[in-house]
Amino acid sequence: MTTESKAKYPLLYSFRRCPYAMRARMALYQAGLQCEIVEVELKAKPAAMLALSPKGSVPVLQLPSGEVLDESLDIMRWALTQHDPTAWLPAATRLSETLIEENDGGFKAALDRYKYPQRFPDSHSGEARAEGLVFISQLNTQLNGHAYLLGPQVSFVDIALFPFVRQFANTDLPWFAAQALPAVQAWLDSLVNSALFKTIMEKNRRHLL
């Protein structure tokens, strides 16, 4: 990576399979922004990243100005403020804010207890899955015949939630496929198979665009 590239483009510290990093990368790519990517080893986090963001979690975006964004939603909003070709941001509503709050709060907590039961010896994975399913069922109702959560077009809220729902589904795919969640399953399938998601999930990707 050259000094010129550091000065010219934002620098993104990322981890390919982290859902927070996924949604940040999707927004950056959607916005058509050139970024340098540093793939982080979570067991050996770069000192340069920790100097920018002591909390030590990805994603972290350093702008050419030196400004640092270390929350995925802030990175998404910043990227789409630069360029929002299909109006992801204007579709934002109080409903979408509520869904994101529920996703990042109670649903994420249940997802962690379900996916990583070894980390929560005092919790029960089955109970956590049932808690998560309540939120997934809410999304299934919200879709209500639409392809995406706010209507026929993908928006900010779809991208903000999608990586976490994907992680929930992938924890036990046969079980998830057997649930009566046709709208969510179709929604998830469309996003998993989108060109956008396939692009940002390419291995050894060193840059966006």
Protein backbone atom coordinates (compact mmCIF):
# COMPACT_ATOMS: atom_id res chain seq x y z
CA MET A 1 0.00 0.00 0.00
CA THR A 2 1.55 3.28 -1.04
CA THR A 3 1.66 6.56 0.85
CA GLU A 4 -0.29 8.08 -2.05
CA SER A 5 -3.10 5.53 -1.72
CA LYS A 6 -3.33 6.16 2.01
CA ALA A 7 -3.72 9.87 1.42
CA LYS A 8 -6.12 9.56 -1.49
CA TYR A 9 -8.56 6.87 -0.33
CA PRO A 10 -10.30 5.93 2.90
CA LEU A 11 -8.70 3.03 4.76
CA LEU A 12 -11.08 0.33 6.01
CA TYR A 13 -10.17 -2.17 8.71
CA SER A 14 -12.51 -5.08 8.20
CA PHE A 15 -13.11 -8.76 8.90
CA ARG A 16 -14.74 -10.62 6.05
CA ARG A 17 -17.27 -12.62 8.11
CA CYS A 18 -18.22 -9.94 10.65
CA PRO A 19 -21.83 -8.82 10.07
CA TYR A 20 -21.04 -5.25 11.12
CA ALA A 21 -18.19 -5.11 8.62
CA MET A 22 -20.38 -6.69 5.93
CA ARG A 23 -22.99 -3.97 6.10
CA ALA A 24 -20.33 -1.27 6.08
CA ARG A 25 -18.66 -2.77 3.01
CA MET A 26 -22.00 -3.10 1.22
CA ALA A 27 -22.75 0.59 1.72
CA LEU A 28 -19.25 1.66 0.67
CA TYR A 29 -19.45 -0.43 -2.48
CA GLN A 30 -22.99 0.75 -3.23
CA ALA A 31 -21.75 4.32 -2.95
CA GLY A 32 -19.03 3.59 -5.49
CA LEU A 33 -16.21 4.57 -3.13
CA GLN A 34 -12.64 3.46 -3.60
CA CYS A 35 -11.29 2.17 -0.30
CA GLU A 36 -8.19 0.32 0.76
CA ILE A 37 -9.08 -2.71 2.89
CA VAL A 38 -7.03 -4.21 5.68
CA GLU A 39 -8.36 -7.65 6.62
CA VAL A 40 -7.96 -7.94 10.38
CA GLU A 41 -6.92 -11.05 12.27
CA LEU A 42 -9.14 -10.83 15.33
CA LYS A 43 -6.57 -12.59 17.51
CA ALA A 44 -3.81 -10.20 16.40
CA LYS A 45 -5.41 -6.83 15.82
CA PRO A 46 -3.15 -4.29 14.10
CA ALA A 47 -1.60 -1.70 16.37
CA ALA A 48 -2.46 0.95 13.79
CA MET A 49 -6.16 0.08 14.04
CA LEU A 50 -6.08 0.09 17.84
CA ALA A 51 -4.45 3.51 17.78
CA LEU A 52 -7.37 4.80 15.73
CA SER A 53 -10.07 2.98 17.69
CA PRO A 54 -9.06 1.56 21.10
CA LYS A 55 -12.31 -0.42 21.37
CA GLY A 56 -10.69 -2.85 18.96
CA SER A 57 -13.67 -3.96 16.91
CA VAL A 58 -14.26 -3.77 13.17
CA PRO A 59 -15.16 -1.98 11.02
CA VAL A 60 -12.96 1.09 11.40
CA LEU A 61 -12.78 3.62 8.58
CA GLN A 62 -10.08 6.28 8.45
CA LEU A 63 -10.88 9.06 6.01
CA PRO A 64 -8.16 10.87 4.04
CA SER A 65 -8.75 13.87 6.31
CA GLY A 66 -7.74 11.73 9.30
CA GLU A 67 -11.29 11.51 10.69
CA VAL A 68 -12.14 8.07 12.07
CA LEU A 69 -15.52 6.32 11.94
CA ASP A 70 -15.66 3.18 14.04
CA GLU A 71 -19.38 2.35 14.09
CA SER A 72 -20.79 0.44 11.13
CA LEU A 73 -23.98 2.49 10.87
CA ASP A 74 -21.96 5.71 10.86
CA ILE A 75 -19.82 4.30 8.05
CA MET A 76 -22.93 3.36 6.10
CA ARG A 77 -24.46 6.81 6.50
CA TRP A 78 -21.22 8.57 5.61
CA ALA A 79 -20.77 6.47 2.47
CA LEU A 80 -24.31 7.04 1.26
CA THR A 81 -24.08 10.75 1.98
CA GLN A 82 -21.25 10.80 -0.56
CA HIS A 83 -23.29 8.99 -3.20
CA ASP A 84 -26.62 7.18 -2.89
CA PRO A 85 -27.49 5.97 -6.41
CA THR A 86 -30.68 4.11 -5.54
CA ALA A 87 -31.87 6.28 -2.63
CA TRP A 88 -31.19 3.96 0.28
CA LEU A 89 -31.10 6.86 2.74
CA PRO A 90 -34.27 8.74 1.72
CA ALA A 91 -36.19 5.55 2.42
CA ALA A 92 -35.19 5.73 6.09
CA THR A 93 -38.18 6.08 8.41
CA ARG A 94 -38.90 5.80 12.11
CA LEU A 95 -39.89 2.21 11.39
CA SER A 96 -36.48 1.45 9.91
CA GLU A 97 -34.76 3.07 12.89
CA THR A 98 -36.84 0.93 15.26
CA LEU A 99 -36.01 -2.26 13.34
CA ILE A 100 -32.30 -1.44 13.41
CA GLU A 101 -32.44 -0.74 17.15
CA GLU A 102 -34.18 -4.07 17.77
CA ASN A 103 -31.75 -5.89 15.50
CA ASP A 104 -28.64 -4.41 17.09
CA GLY A 105 -30.03 -4.80 20.59
CA GLY A 106 -32.17 -7.74 21.66
CA PHE A 107 -31.86 -9.76 18.47
CA LYS A 108 -28.06 -9.53 18.37
CA ALA A 109 -27.89 -10.57 22.02
CA ALA A 110 -30.10 -13.60 21.33
CA LEU A 111 -28.11 -14.42 18.18
CA ASP A 112 -24.84 -14.48 20.12
CA ARG A 113 -26.27 -16.80 22.78
CA TYR A 114 -27.69 -19.07 20.06
CA LYS A 115 -24.62 -19.16 17.81
CA TYR A 116 -21.97 -19.23 20.53
CA PRO A 117 -23.46 -21.22 23.45
CA GLN A 118 -19.96 -22.00 24.76
CA ARG A 119 -19.55 -18.31 25.57
CA PHE A 120 -22.74 -18.24 27.64
CA PRO A 121 -22.72 -21.24 29.99
CA ASP A 122 -25.60 -19.79 32.03
CA SER A 123 -27.80 -19.41 28.95
CA HIS A 124 -29.74 -21.97 26.90
CA SER A 125 -29.18 -21.99 23.14
CA GLY A 126 -32.73 -23.18 22.41
CA GLU A 127 -34.26 -20.36 24.40
CA ALA A 128 -32.01 -17.85 22.63
CA ARG A 129 -33.08 -19.24 19.26
CA ALA A 130 -36.72 -18.85 20.25
CA GLU A 131 -36.08 -15.23 21.25
CA GLY A 132 -34.41 -14.55 17.92
CA LEU A 133 -37.26 -16.19 16.06
CA VAL A 134 -39.68 -13.62 17.51
CA PHE A 135 -37.78 -10.86 15.72
CA ILE A 136 -37.47 -12.88 12.51
CA SER A 137 -41.24 -13.46 12.57
CA GLN A 138 -41.74 -9.72 12.96
CA LEU A 139 -39.68 -9.18 9.80
CA ASN A 140 -41.71 -11.83 7.99
CA THR A 141 -44.88 -9.90 8.84
CA GLN A 142 -43.28 -6.58 7.91
CA LEU A 143 -42.41 -7.86 4.42
CA ASN A 144 -46.11 -8.58 3.83
CA GLY A 145 -45.89 -9.37 0.13
CA HIS A 146 -43.05 -6.92 -0.56
CA ALA A 147 -39.61 -7.94 -1.74
CA TYR A 148 -37.92 -5.72 0.86
CA LEU A 149 -38.72 -4.33 4.29
CA LEU A 150 -39.93 -0.92 3.15
CA GLY A 151 -41.41 -1.93 -0.19
CA PRO A 152 -40.29 -3.09 -3.64
CA GLN A 153 -36.75 -1.63 -3.47
CA VAL A 154 -33.84 -2.49 -1.22
CA SER A 155 -33.02 0.22 1.33
CA PHE A 156 -30.71 1.10 4.20
CA VAL A 157 -32.65 -0.99 6.69
CA ASP A 158 -32.45 -4.16 4.57
CA ILE A 159 -28.67 -3.90 4.39
CA ALA A 160 -28.34 -3.00 8.07
CA LEU A 161 -30.27 -6.12 9.17
CA PHE A 162 -29.42 -8.64 6.49
CA PRO A 163 -25.96 -9.85 7.69
CA PHE A 164 -27.36 -10.65 11.15
CA VAL A 165 -30.39 -12.51 9.83
CA ARG A 166 -28.03 -14.44 7.53
CA GLN A 167 -25.91 -15.39 10.53
CA PHE A 168 -28.99 -16.54 12.44
CA ALA A 169 -30.15 -18.65 9.50
CA ASN A 170 -26.71 -20.17 8.89
CA THR A 171 -26.41 -21.37 12.48
CA ASP A 172 -28.80 -24.21 11.59
CA LEU A 173 -29.90 -23.93 7.97
CA PRO A 174 -32.11 -27.05 7.85
CA TRP A 175 -34.04 -25.82 10.91
CA PHE A 176 -34.36 -22.30 9.46
CA ALA A 177 -35.53 -23.63 6.10
CA ALA A 178 -38.24 -25.66 7.84
CA GLN A 179 -39.78 -22.61 9.54
CA ALA A 180 -42.93 -20.98 8.16
CA LEU A 181 -41.09 -17.80 7.17
CA PRO A 182 -41.54 -17.63 3.39
CA ALA A 183 -41.17 -13.86 3.09
CA VAL A 184 -37.98 -13.68 5.16
CA GLN A 185 -36.53 -16.70 3.42
CA ALA A 186 -37.15 -15.15 -0.02
CA TRP A 187 -35.77 -11.79 1.18
CA LEU A 188 -32.67 -13.43 2.58
CA ASP A 189 -32.12 -15.51 -0.55
CA SER A 190 -32.33 -12.45 -2.80
CA LEU A 191 -29.73 -10.56 -0.76
CA VAL A 192 -27.37 -13.52 -0.33
CA ASN A 193 -27.40 -14.06 -4.09
CA SER A 194 -27.13 -10.38 -5.01
CA ALA A 195 -24.12 -9.21 -6.99
CA LEU A 196 -23.46 -6.64 -4.28
CA PHE A 197 -23.09 -9.23 -1.53
CA LYS A 198 -21.07 -11.63 -3.65
CA THR A 199 -18.66 -8.83 -4.54
CA ILE A 200 -18.02 -7.62 -1.00
CA MET A 201 -17.51 -11.22 0.19
CA GLU A 202 -14.76 -12.05 -2.28
CA LYS A 203 -11.76 -13.49 -0.44
CA ASN A 204 -8.49 -11.57 -0.34
CA ARG A 205 -10.20 -8.41 -1.53
CA ARG A 206 -7.79 -5.52 -0.97
CA HIS A 207 -9.95 -2.70 -2.18
CA LEU A 208 -13.51 -1.67 -2.97
CA LEU A 209 -13.89 -0.61 -6.62
